Amino acid sequence: MSKPFKTAVAAVLAFAYLATPALSGEVLDRVKEKGEVVNAIVNDYPPFAFINDKNELDGFDVDVARAFAERLGVKLRLETPGWETIIGGRWAGRWDIAITSSTPTEERAKVVNFPVNYYSVPAVLVVHKDEQAIRSAADLTGKKVGVGTGSSYEAYVNRNFTIPGQATITFPFGEVQAVPNDETVNFQNLALGAGVRLDAIVASLGTAQGQIDATGKLKLAGEPLFAEPNAVVTDKGDPEWDAEIKRVITELKNDGTLAKISEKWFKVDITKYAF
C-alpha cells in the first residue's frame, strides 16, 4: 500500500470515528426506543416494597423507581421475579434495572453491578417486648434468629457478611440458628412470644420500626449492628447504562427528590449518607 493511500485511508477512518455518535449503551437504547424502563422489585419488603390495600405495589423503592423513570422521560413497568432471581444476574434483557434495596456485597458483585448507592440504613436486632435475655447481638449465640431469605442479614447471622470498601464487620456472637423466611412471616412469628418460634430478628431499621409500631409486641435490642448501604442493581455488560443510572440517581439526590421520598416513608432522610 502506497504512503499517499495509507494517509487517505487514515483520514477517512478518523473522520468516520469523529462523526460516529457516542454509544449510549444497549439497555438505554432499548429503554428510549420502548419509552419504558422495567424495574425488577420484590413485593414483600414493607415499607420499601409491598402490596397495599388497593392491591398495588407501593413503598419507598417503588417511589424511587417512579422518580427515576420520570427523570429519564419514560414510563415505569414493575415486575416481581423474586429476590434470588434478581440478585442472581443473567437477566437476558428481561429487566433493565432493580431498585429494590440491595446491599452491594463482594459475592453479589461477581454476578451483578451496583452503579450507585441510593440510601443507607442501620441493621438492627428486634426481639419480643417481653424478652429479657437478649439485650444485644452478643446474646444471640444458640438462638433462633429470623432473617429475610437470601438477604445480607442472613449472611450476617451466618457470620460471612462483608461490605466492600467498609471496615470489617464484627460478629459478637457464636453459632446462631438462622431462620430464613419471608420477612413479614418472621415478624408475625416473633410477635407470638419470646422464643415461641423465634428468639430475635435481624432487619433494617425502617422495616423493624414499622413492625414495632404496627404490632405493639416488639422492641429493639441494643445498638445498631452495622450501617448497610443499599444500591441500584443492574446486569453485567453495559457500563454506559450504569453511568446513566448513576447520573440520574445523583441528580435526584442533589435536587432533594430522594429526601422527600424518604421523609414520606420514614420521617427522616435515609438517603443523605449514601453518597
C-alpha atoms as a PDB file:
ATOM      1  CA  MET A   1       0.000   0.000   0.000  1.00  0.00           C
ATOM      2  CA  SER A   2       1.429   3.361  -1.016  1.00  0.00           C
ATOM      3  CA  LYS A   3       2.008   6.070   1.557  1.00  0.00           C
ATOM      4  CA  PRO A   4      -0.491   8.541  -0.026  1.00  0.00           C
ATOM      5  CA  PHE A   5      -3.164   5.828   0.007  1.00  0.00           C
ATOM      6  CA  LYS A   6      -2.393   4.956   3.608  1.00  0.00           C
ATOM      7  CA  THR A   7      -2.753   8.597   4.539  1.00  0.00           C
ATOM      8  CA  ALA A   8      -6.081   8.897   2.745  1.00  0.00           C
ATOM      9  CA  VAL A   9      -7.455   5.788   4.466  1.00  0.00           C
ATOM     10  CA  ALA A  10      -6.339   7.064   7.843  1.00  0.00           C
ATOM     11  CA  ALA A  11      -8.062  10.381   7.197  1.00  0.00           C
ATOM     12  CA  VAL A  12     -11.324   8.669   6.219  1.00  0.00           C
ATOM     13  CA  LEU A  13     -11.242   6.447   9.301  1.00  0.00           C
ATOM     14  CA  ALA A  14     -10.529   9.411  11.552  1.00  0.00           C
ATOM     15  CA  PHE A  15     -13.456  11.343  10.081  1.00  0.00           C
ATOM     16  CA  ALA A  16     -15.738   8.322  10.479  1.00  0.00           C
ATOM     17  CA  TYR A  17     -14.681   7.966  14.122  1.00  0.00           C
ATOM     18  CA  LEU A  18     -15.390  11.639  14.847  1.00  0.00           C
ATOM     19  CA  ALA A  19     -18.722  11.523  13.016  1.00  0.00           C
ATOM     20  CA  THR A  20     -19.954   8.438  14.893  1.00  0.00           C
ATOM     21  CA  PRO A  21     -22.131   9.399  17.905  1.00  0.00           C
ATOM     22  CA  ALA A  22     -21.022   8.166  21.317  1.00  0.00           C
ATOM     23  CA  LEU A  23     -22.569   4.851  22.191  1.00  0.00           C
ATOM     24  CA  SER A  24     -25.274   5.190  24.814  1.00  0.00           C
ATOM     25  CA  GLY A  25     -25.392   1.528  25.712  1.00  0.00           C
ATOM     26  CA  GLU A  26     -27.693  -1.290  24.650  1.00  0.00           C
ATOM     27  CA  VAL A  27     -30.036  -1.002  27.627  1.00  0.00           C
ATOM     28  CA  LEU A  28     -30.500   2.767  27.393  1.00  0.00           C
ATOM     29  CA  ASP A  29     -31.146   2.449  23.652  1.00  0.00           C
ATOM     30  CA  ARG A  30     -33.799  -0.187  24.377  1.00  0.00           C
ATOM     31  CA  VAL A  31     -35.392   1.896  27.132  1.00  0.00           C
ATOM     32  CA  LYS A  32     -35.558   5.003  24.948  1.00  0.00           C
ATOM     33  CA  GLU A  33     -36.915   3.061  21.973  1.00  0.00           C
ATOM     34  CA  LYS A  34     -39.678   1.417  24.041  1.00  0.00           C
ATOM     35  CA  GLY A  35     -40.342   4.531  26.102  1.00  0.00           C
ATOM     36  CA  GLU A  36     -40.359   2.301  29.168  1.00  0.00           C
ATOM     37  CA  VAL A  37     -37.950   1.143  31.859  1.00  0.00           C
ATOM     38  CA  VAL A  38     -38.582  -2.222  33.531  1.00  0.00           C
ATOM     39  CA  ASN A  39     -37.703  -2.326  37.224  1.00  0.00           C
ATOM     40  CA  ALA A  40     -37.365  -5.691  38.960  1.00  0.00           C
ATOM     41  CA  ILE A  41     -38.511  -5.420  42.562  1.00  0.00           C
ATOM     42  CA  VAL A  42     -39.562  -7.591  45.489  1.00  0.00           C
ATOM     43  CA  ASN A  43     -43.135  -7.273  46.763  1.00  0.00           C
ATOM     44  CA  ASP A  44     -42.800  -8.450  50.373  1.00  0.00           C
ATOM     45  CA  TYR A  45     -40.441  -5.953  51.982  1.00  0.00           C
ATOM     46  CA  PRO A  46     -42.507  -3.203  53.664  1.00  0.00           C
ATOM     47  CA  PRO A  47     -42.160  -0.271  53.786  1.00  0.00           C
ATOM     48  CA  PHE A  48     -39.690  -0.456  50.885  1.00  0.00           C
ATOM     49  CA  ALA A  49     -41.917  -2.509  48.575  1.00  0.00           C
ATOM     50  CA  PHE A  50     -45.216  -4.240  49.305  1.00  0.00           C
ATOM     51  CA  ILE A  51     -48.761  -4.795  48.059  1.00  0.00           C
ATOM     52  CA  ASN A  52     -51.030  -2.106  49.514  1.00  0.00           C
ATOM     53  CA  ASP A  53     -54.745  -2.195  50.322  1.00  0.00           C
ATOM     54  CA  LYS A  54     -55.556  -1.390  46.693  1.00  0.00           C
ATOM     55  CA  ASN A  55     -53.603  -4.483  45.586  1.00  0.00           C
ATOM     56  CA  GLU A  56     -50.935  -2.254  44.068  1.00  0.00           C
ATOM     57  CA  LEU A  57     -47.176  -2.206  44.528  1.00  0.00           C
ATOM     58  CA  ASP A  58     -46.250   0.582  46.902  1.00  0.00           C
ATOM     59  CA  GLY A  59     -43.358   1.722  49.062  1.00  0.00           C
ATOM     60  CA  PHE A  60     -40.118   3.666  49.194  1.00  0.00           C
ATOM     61  CA  ASP A  61     -38.397   1.687  46.411  1.00  0.00           C
ATOM     62  CA  VAL A  62     -41.471   1.985  44.198  1.00  0.00           C
ATOM     63  CA  ASP A  63     -41.466   5.764  44.582  1.00  0.00           C
ATOM     64  CA  VAL A  64     -37.729   5.966  43.850  1.00  0.00           C
ATOM     65  CA  ALA A  65     -38.236   3.859  40.716  1.00  0.00           C
ATOM     66  CA  ARG A  66     -41.068   6.159  39.611  1.00  0.00           C
ATOM     67  CA  ALA A  67     -38.898   9.233  40.138  1.00  0.00           C
ATOM     68  CA  PHE A  68     -36.073   7.604  38.174  1.00  0.00           C
ATOM     69  CA  ALA A  69     -38.343   6.769  35.225  1.00  0.00           C
ATOM     70  CA  GLU A  70     -39.886  10.240  35.231  1.00  0.00           C
ATOM     71  CA  ARG A  71     -36.464  11.919  35.215  1.00  0.00           C
ATOM     72  CA  LEU A  72     -35.385   9.631  32.390  1.00  0.00           C
ATOM     73  CA  GLY A  73     -38.517  10.650  30.462  1.00  0.00           C
ATOM     74  CA  VAL A  74     -40.053   7.169  30.147  1.00  0.00           C
ATOM     75  CA  LYS A  75     -42.840   5.095  31.670  1.00  0.00           C
ATOM     76  CA  LEU A  76     -42.194   2.667  34.525  1.00  0.00           C
ATOM     77  CA  ARG A  77     -43.115  -1.013  34.498  1.00  0.00           C
ATOM     78  CA  LEU A  78     -42.659  -3.038  37.676  1.00  0.00           C
ATOM     79  CA  GLU A  79     -42.037  -6.777  37.674  1.00  0.00           C
ATOM     80  CA  THR A  80     -41.546  -9.111  40.648  1.00  0.00           C
ATOM     81  CA  PRO A  81     -39.410 -12.075  39.573  1.00  0.00           C
ATOM     82  CA  GLY A  82     -38.244 -12.917  43.088  1.00  0.00           C
ATOM     83  CA  TRP A  83     -35.210 -11.827  45.093  1.00  0.00           C
ATOM     84  CA  GLU A  84     -32.933 -14.762  44.255  1.00  0.00           C
ATOM     85  CA  THR A  85     -33.639 -14.352  40.540  1.00  0.00           C
ATOM     86  CA  ILE A  86     -32.884 -10.630  40.625  1.00  0.00           C
ATOM     87  CA  ILE A  87     -29.629 -10.910  42.521  1.00  0.00           C
ATOM     88  CA  GLY A  88     -28.502 -13.954  40.505  1.00  0.00           C
ATOM     89  CA  GLY A  89     -27.771 -11.919  37.366  1.00  0.00           C
ATOM     90  CA  ARG A  90     -28.036 -13.137  33.755  1.00  0.00           C
ATOM     91  CA  TRP A  91     -31.223 -11.153  33.213  1.00  0.00           C
ATOM     92  CA  ALA A  92     -31.162 -11.664  29.420  1.00  0.00           C
ATOM     93  CA  GLY A  93     -32.853  -8.314  28.851  1.00  0.00           C
ATOM     94  CA  ARG A  94     -35.942  -9.182  30.885  1.00  0.00           C
ATOM     95  CA  TRP A  95     -35.408  -6.224  33.241  1.00  0.00           C
ATOM     96  CA  ASP A  96     -33.439  -3.022  32.853  1.00  0.00           C
ATOM     97  CA  ILE A  97     -32.774  -2.112  36.476  1.00  0.00           C
ATOM     98  CA  ALA A  98     -33.526  -3.242  40.021  1.00  0.00           C
ATOM     99  CA  ILE A  99     -34.233  -0.514  42.550  1.00  0.00           C
ATOM    100  CA  THR A 100     -35.020  -2.994  45.294  1.00  0.00           C
ATOM    101  CA  SER A 101     -32.971  -2.398  48.470  1.00  0.00           C
ATOM    102  CA  SER A 102     -29.882  -4.476  47.742  1.00  0.00           C
ATOM    103  CA  THR A 103     -26.655  -4.328  49.745  1.00  0.00           C
ATOM    104  CA  PRO A 104     -23.584  -4.369  47.462  1.00  0.00           C
ATOM    105  CA  THR A 105     -21.540  -7.308  48.770  1.00  0.00           C
ATOM    106  CA  GLU A 106     -18.392  -8.742  47.190  1.00  0.00           C
ATOM    107  CA  GLU A 107     -20.126 -12.037  46.416  1.00  0.00           C
ATOM    108  CA  ARG A 108     -23.079 -10.372  44.685  1.00  0.00           C
ATOM    109  CA  ALA A 109     -20.780  -8.072  42.728  1.00  0.00           C
ATOM    110  CA  LYS A 110     -19.430 -11.132  40.919  1.00  0.00           C
ATOM    111  CA  VAL A 111     -22.722 -11.563  39.030  1.00  0.00           C
ATOM    112  CA  VAL A 112     -24.424  -8.136  39.051  1.00  0.00           C
ATOM    113  CA  ASN A 113     -23.346  -4.491  39.109  1.00  0.00           C
ATOM    114  CA  PHE A 114     -24.064  -1.807  41.707  1.00  0.00           C
ATOM    115  CA  PRO A 115     -23.687   1.505  39.835  1.00  0.00           C
ATOM    116  CA  VAL A 116     -24.763   3.788  42.714  1.00  0.00           C
ATOM    117  CA  ASN A 117     -25.897   3.667  46.343  1.00  0.00           C
ATOM    118  CA  TYR A 118     -29.177   5.472  46.998  1.00  0.00           C
ATOM    119  CA  TYR A 119     -29.707   5.065  50.735  1.00  0.00           C
ATOM    120  CA  SER A 120     -28.046   3.718  53.837  1.00  0.00           C
ATOM    121  CA  VAL A 121     -29.903   2.421  56.856  1.00  0.00           C
ATOM    122  CA  PRO A 122     -28.823   0.713  60.089  1.00  0.00           C
ATOM    123  CA  ALA A 123     -29.370  -3.005  60.599  1.00  0.00           C
ATOM    124  CA  VAL A 124     -30.963  -3.678  63.983  1.00  0.00           C
ATOM    125  CA  LEU A 125     -31.848  -6.501  66.314  1.00  0.00           C
ATOM    126  CA  VAL A 126     -35.546  -6.961  67.124  1.00  0.00           C
ATOM    127  CA  VAL A 127     -36.958  -9.058  69.977  1.00  0.00           C
ATOM    128  CA  HIS A 128     -40.342  -9.616  71.593  1.00  0.00           C
ATOM    129  CA  LYS A 129     -41.287  -6.901  74.072  1.00  0.00           C
ATOM    130  CA  ASP A 130     -41.212  -9.477  76.901  1.00  0.00           C
ATOM    131  CA  GLU A 131     -37.710 -10.713  76.026  1.00  0.00           C
ATOM    132  CA  GLN A 132     -35.234 -10.225  78.878  1.00  0.00           C
ATOM    133  CA  ALA A 133     -32.292 -12.478  77.973  1.00  0.00           C
ATOM    134  CA  ILE A 134     -31.346 -10.841  74.652  1.00  0.00           C
ATOM    135  CA  ARG A 135     -30.055  -7.328  75.196  1.00  0.00           C
ATOM    136  CA  SER A 136     -27.602  -7.107  72.288  1.00  0.00           C
ATOM    137  CA  ALA A 137     -26.100  -9.165  69.462  1.00  0.00           C
ATOM    138  CA  ALA A 138     -23.680 -10.683  71.982  1.00  0.00           C
ATOM    139  CA  ASP A 139     -26.613 -12.654  73.401  1.00  0.00           C
ATOM    140  CA  LEU A 140     -27.556 -14.355  70.115  1.00  0.00           C
ATOM    141  CA  THR A 141     -25.380 -17.457  70.460  1.00  0.00           C
ATOM    142  CA  GLY A 142     -27.543 -20.564  70.138  1.00  0.00           C
ATOM    143  CA  LYS A 143     -30.696 -18.539  69.427  1.00  0.00           C
ATOM    144  CA  LYS A 144     -33.186 -18.815  66.544  1.00  0.00           C
ATOM    145  CA  VAL A 145     -32.883 -15.620  64.509  1.00  0.00           C
ATOM    146  CA  GLY A 146     -35.265 -14.724  61.695  1.00  0.00           C
ATOM    147  CA  VAL A 147     -33.782 -13.208  58.540  1.00  0.00           C
ATOM    148  CA  GLY A 148     -35.037 -12.467  55.047  1.00  0.00           C
ATOM    149  CA  THR A 149     -34.241 -15.337  52.676  1.00  0.00           C
ATOM    150  CA  GLY A 150     -31.062 -14.571  50.712  1.00  0.00           C
ATOM    151  CA  SER A 151     -30.653 -11.207  52.446  1.00  0.00           C
ATOM    152  CA  SER A 152     -27.499  -9.574  53.767  1.00  0.00           C
ATOM    153  CA  TYR A 153     -28.973 -10.144  57.242  1.00  0.00           C
ATOM    154  CA  GLU A 154     -28.899 -13.887  56.617  1.00  0.00           C
ATOM    155  CA  ALA A 155     -25.220 -13.607  55.639  1.00  0.00           C
ATOM    156  CA  TYR A 156     -24.556 -11.558  58.779  1.00  0.00           C
ATOM    157  CA  VAL A 157     -26.166 -14.092  61.116  1.00  0.00           C
ATOM    158  CA  ASN A 158     -24.177 -16.841  59.362  1.00  0.00           C
ATOM    159  CA  ARG A 159     -21.003 -14.814  60.030  1.00  0.00           C
ATOM    160  CA  ASN A 160     -19.938 -14.445  56.400  1.00  0.00           C
ATOM    161  CA  PHE A 161     -21.010 -10.882  55.661  1.00  0.00           C
ATOM    162  CA  THR A 162     -18.768  -8.128  54.274  1.00  0.00           C
ATOM    163  CA  ILE A 163     -19.415  -4.716  52.735  1.00  0.00           C
ATOM    164  CA  PRO A 164     -16.928  -3.699  50.010  1.00  0.00           C
ATOM    165  CA  GLY A 165     -14.937  -0.612  50.924  1.00  0.00           C
ATOM    166  CA  GLN A 166     -16.021  -0.629  54.557  1.00  0.00           C
ATOM    167  CA  ALA A 167     -14.395  -1.730  57.768  1.00  0.00           C
ATOM    168  CA  THR A 168     -14.628  -5.393  58.708  1.00  0.00           C
ATOM    169  CA  ILE A 169     -17.992  -6.354  60.176  1.00  0.00           C
ATOM    170  CA  THR A 170     -17.717  -7.818  63.671  1.00  0.00           C
ATOM    171  CA  PHE A 171     -19.720 -10.815  64.905  1.00  0.00           C
ATOM    172  CA  PRO A 172     -20.004 -10.690  68.707  1.00  0.00           C
ATOM    173  CA  PHE A 173     -21.886 -13.997  68.823  1.00  0.00           C
ATOM    174  CA  GLY A 174     -21.105 -17.666  68.281  1.00  0.00           C
ATOM    175  CA  GLU A 175     -23.114 -20.170  66.251  1.00  0.00           C
ATOM    176  CA  VAL A 176     -26.666 -18.994  65.596  1.00  0.00           C
ATOM    177  CA  GLN A 177     -29.611 -20.806  64.041  1.00  0.00           C
ATOM    178  CA  ALA A 178     -30.562 -18.598  61.113  1.00  0.00           C
ATOM    179  CA  VAL A 179     -34.232 -18.971  60.157  1.00  0.00           C
ATOM    180  CA  PRO A 180     -34.646 -17.596  56.609  1.00  0.00           C
ATOM    181  CA  ASN A 181     -38.185 -16.740  55.585  1.00  0.00           C
ATOM    182  CA  ASP A 182     -40.402 -14.018  54.194  1.00  0.00           C
ATOM    183  CA  GLU A 183     -39.776 -11.014  56.464  1.00  0.00           C
ATOM    184  CA  THR A 184     -43.454 -10.440  57.148  1.00  0.00           C
ATOM    185  CA  VAL A 185     -43.783 -14.053  58.294  1.00  0.00           C
ATOM    186  CA  ASN A 186     -40.717 -13.667  60.523  1.00  0.00           C
ATOM    187  CA  PHE A 187     -42.251 -10.684  62.319  1.00  0.00           C
ATOM    188  CA  GLN A 188     -45.563 -12.496  62.699  1.00  0.00           C
ATOM    189  CA  ASN A 189     -43.751 -15.445  64.269  1.00  0.00           C
ATOM    190  CA  LEU A 190     -41.750 -13.245  66.662  1.00  0.00           C
ATOM    191  CA  ALA A 191     -44.923 -11.458  67.745  1.00  0.00           C
ATOM    192  CA  LEU A 192     -46.282 -14.798  69.042  1.00  0.00           C
ATOM    193  CA  GLY A 193     -43.956 -14.536  72.012  1.00  0.00           C
ATOM    194  CA  ALA A 194     -40.323 -14.666  73.125  1.00  0.00           C
ATOM    195  CA  GLY A 195     -38.833 -17.972  71.949  1.00  0.00           C
ATOM    196  CA  VAL A 196     -42.125 -19.420  70.699  1.00  0.00           C
ATOM    197  CA  ARG A 197     -40.935 -19.678  67.102  1.00  0.00           C
ATOM    198  CA  LEU A 198     -38.116 -17.141  67.023  1.00  0.00           C
ATOM    199  CA  ASP A 199     -35.885 -15.503  69.589  1.00  0.00           C
ATOM    200  CA  ALA A 200     -34.983 -12.447  67.530  1.00  0.00           C
ATOM    201  CA  ILE A 201     -34.899 -10.915  64.049  1.00  0.00           C
ATOM    202  CA  VAL A 202     -32.173  -9.002  62.216  1.00  0.00           C
ATOM    203  CA  ALA A 203     -33.671  -6.462  59.806  1.00  0.00           C
ATOM    204  CA  SER A 204     -33.386  -2.887  58.573  1.00  0.00           C
ATOM    205  CA  LEU A 205     -34.359  -0.107  60.974  1.00  0.00           C
ATOM    206  CA  GLY A 206     -37.101   1.088  58.628  1.00  0.00           C
ATOM    207  CA  THR A 207     -38.747  -2.321  58.393  1.00  0.00           C
ATOM    208  CA  ALA A 208     -38.263  -3.028  62.104  1.00  0.00           C
ATOM    209  CA  GLN A 209     -39.753   0.247  63.256  1.00  0.00           C
ATOM    210  CA  GLY A 210     -42.763  -0.244  61.016  1.00  0.00           C
ATOM    211  CA  GLN A 211     -43.421  -3.675  62.519  1.00  0.00           C
ATOM    212  CA  ILE A 212     -42.833  -2.440  66.077  1.00  0.00           C
ATOM    213  CA  ASP A 213     -45.391   0.322  65.560  1.00  0.00           C
ATOM    214  CA  ALA A 214     -47.882  -1.991  63.836  1.00  0.00           C
ATOM    215  CA  THR A 215     -47.829  -4.902  66.289  1.00  0.00           C
ATOM    216  CA  GLY A 216     -47.090  -3.240  69.628  1.00  0.00           C
ATOM    217  CA  LYS A 217     -45.421  -6.518  70.605  1.00  0.00           C
ATOM    218  CA  LEU A 218     -41.814  -5.964  69.586  1.00  0.00           C
ATOM    219  CA  LYS A 219     -38.833  -3.802  70.568  1.00  0.00           C
ATOM    220  CA  LEU A 220     -35.252  -3.046  69.563  1.00  0.00           C
ATOM    221  CA  ALA A 221     -32.379  -4.655  71.450  1.00  0.00           C
ATOM    222  CA  GLY A 222     -29.004  -2.957  71.783  1.00  0.00           C
ATOM    223  CA  GLU A 223     -27.252  -0.651  69.323  1.00  0.00           C
ATOM    224  CA  PRO A 224     -27.441  -0.896  65.516  1.00  0.00           C
ATOM    225  CA  LEU A 225     -25.368  -3.806  64.203  1.00  0.00           C
ATOM    226  CA  PHE A 226     -23.903  -2.096  61.134  1.00  0.00           C
ATOM    227  CA  ALA A 227     -24.731   0.639  58.636  1.00  0.00           C
ATOM    228  CA  GLU A 228     -25.903  -1.007  55.449  1.00  0.00           C
ATOM    229  CA  PRO A 229     -25.630   0.815  52.117  1.00  0.00           C
ATOM    230  CA  ASN A 230     -28.255  -0.101  49.536  1.00  0.00           C
ATOM    231  CA  ALA A 231     -27.571   0.208  45.835  1.00  0.00           C
ATOM    232  CA  VAL A 232     -29.280   0.105  42.480  1.00  0.00           C
ATOM    233  CA  VAL A 233     -28.672  -3.228  40.729  1.00  0.00           C
ATOM    234  CA  THR A 234     -28.007  -3.846  37.041  1.00  0.00           C
ATOM    235  CA  ASP A 235     -26.997  -6.833  34.984  1.00  0.00           C
ATOM    236  CA  LYS A 236     -23.405  -7.156  33.833  1.00  0.00           C
ATOM    237  CA  GLY A 237     -22.234  -5.827  30.495  1.00  0.00           C
ATOM    238  CA  ASP A 238     -23.411  -2.247  29.952  1.00  0.00           C
ATOM    239  CA  PRO A 239     -21.161   0.405  31.550  1.00  0.00           C
ATOM    240  CA  GLU A 240     -22.891   3.204  29.641  1.00  0.00           C
ATOM    241  CA  TRP A 241     -26.237   2.297  31.209  1.00  0.00           C
ATOM    242  CA  ASP A 242     -24.607   2.125  34.635  1.00  0.00           C
ATOM    243  CA  ALA A 243     -23.153   5.608  34.129  1.00  0.00           C
ATOM    244  CA  GLU A 244     -26.556   6.988  33.121  1.00  0.00           C
ATOM    245  CA  ILE A 245     -28.187   5.441  36.196  1.00  0.00           C
ATOM    246  CA  LYS A 246     -25.569   6.992  38.450  1.00  0.00           C
ATOM    247  CA  ARG A 247     -26.103  10.376  36.794  1.00  0.00           C
ATOM    248  CA  VAL A 248     -29.896  10.291  37.216  1.00  0.00           C
ATOM    249  CA  ILE A 249     -29.888   8.983  40.803  1.00  0.00           C
ATOM    250  CA  THR A 250     -27.268  11.574  41.812  1.00  0.00           C
ATOM    251  CA  GLU A 251     -29.412  14.279  40.238  1.00  0.00           C
ATOM    252  CA  LEU A 252     -32.443  13.066  42.228  1.00  0.00           C
ATOM    253  CA  LYS A 253     -30.310  13.215  45.360  1.00  0.00           C
ATOM    254  CA  ASN A 254     -28.959  16.710  44.679  1.00  0.00           C
ATOM    255  CA  ASP A 255     -32.332  18.300  43.944  1.00  0.00           C
ATOM    256  CA  GLY A 256     -33.930  16.855  47.085  1.00  0.00           C
ATOM    257  CA  THR A 257     -36.240  14.334  45.390  1.00  0.00           C
ATOM    258  CA  LEU A 258     -34.836  11.324  47.255  1.00  0.00           C
ATOM    259  CA  ALA A 259     -35.005  13.186  50.572  1.00  0.00           C
ATOM    260  CA  LYS A 260     -38.706  13.956  50.030  1.00  0.00           C
ATOM    261  CA  ILE A 261     -39.475  10.311  49.243  1.00  0.00           C
ATOM    262  CA  SER A 262     -37.568   9.207  52.344  1.00  0.00           C
ATOM    263  CA  GLU A 263     -39.354  11.721  54.584  1.00  0.00           C
ATOM    264  CA  LYS A 264     -42.676  10.414  53.263  1.00  0.00           C
ATOM    265  CA  TRP A 265     -41.926   6.850  54.332  1.00  0.00           C
ATOM    266  CA  PHE A 266     -39.582   7.186  57.317  1.00  0.00           C
ATOM    267  CA  LYS A 267     -39.929  10.755  58.628  1.00  0.00           C
ATOM    268  CA  VAL A 268     -36.123  11.015  58.221  1.00  0.00           C
ATOM    269  CA  ASP A 269     -33.760  11.194  55.266  1.00  0.00           C
ATOM    270  CA  ILE A 270     -32.125   7.770  54.944  1.00  0.00           C
ATOM    271  CA  THR A 271     -30.537   8.828  51.626  1.00  0.00           C
ATOM    272  CA  LYS A 272     -28.195  11.508  52.972  1.00  0.00           C
ATOM    273  CA  TYR A 273     -25.402   9.113  53.986  1.00  0.00           C
ATOM    274  CA  ALA A 274     -25.406   7.104  50.770  1.00  0.00           C
ATOM    275  CA  PHE A 275     -23.395   9.467  48.541  1.00  0.00           C
END
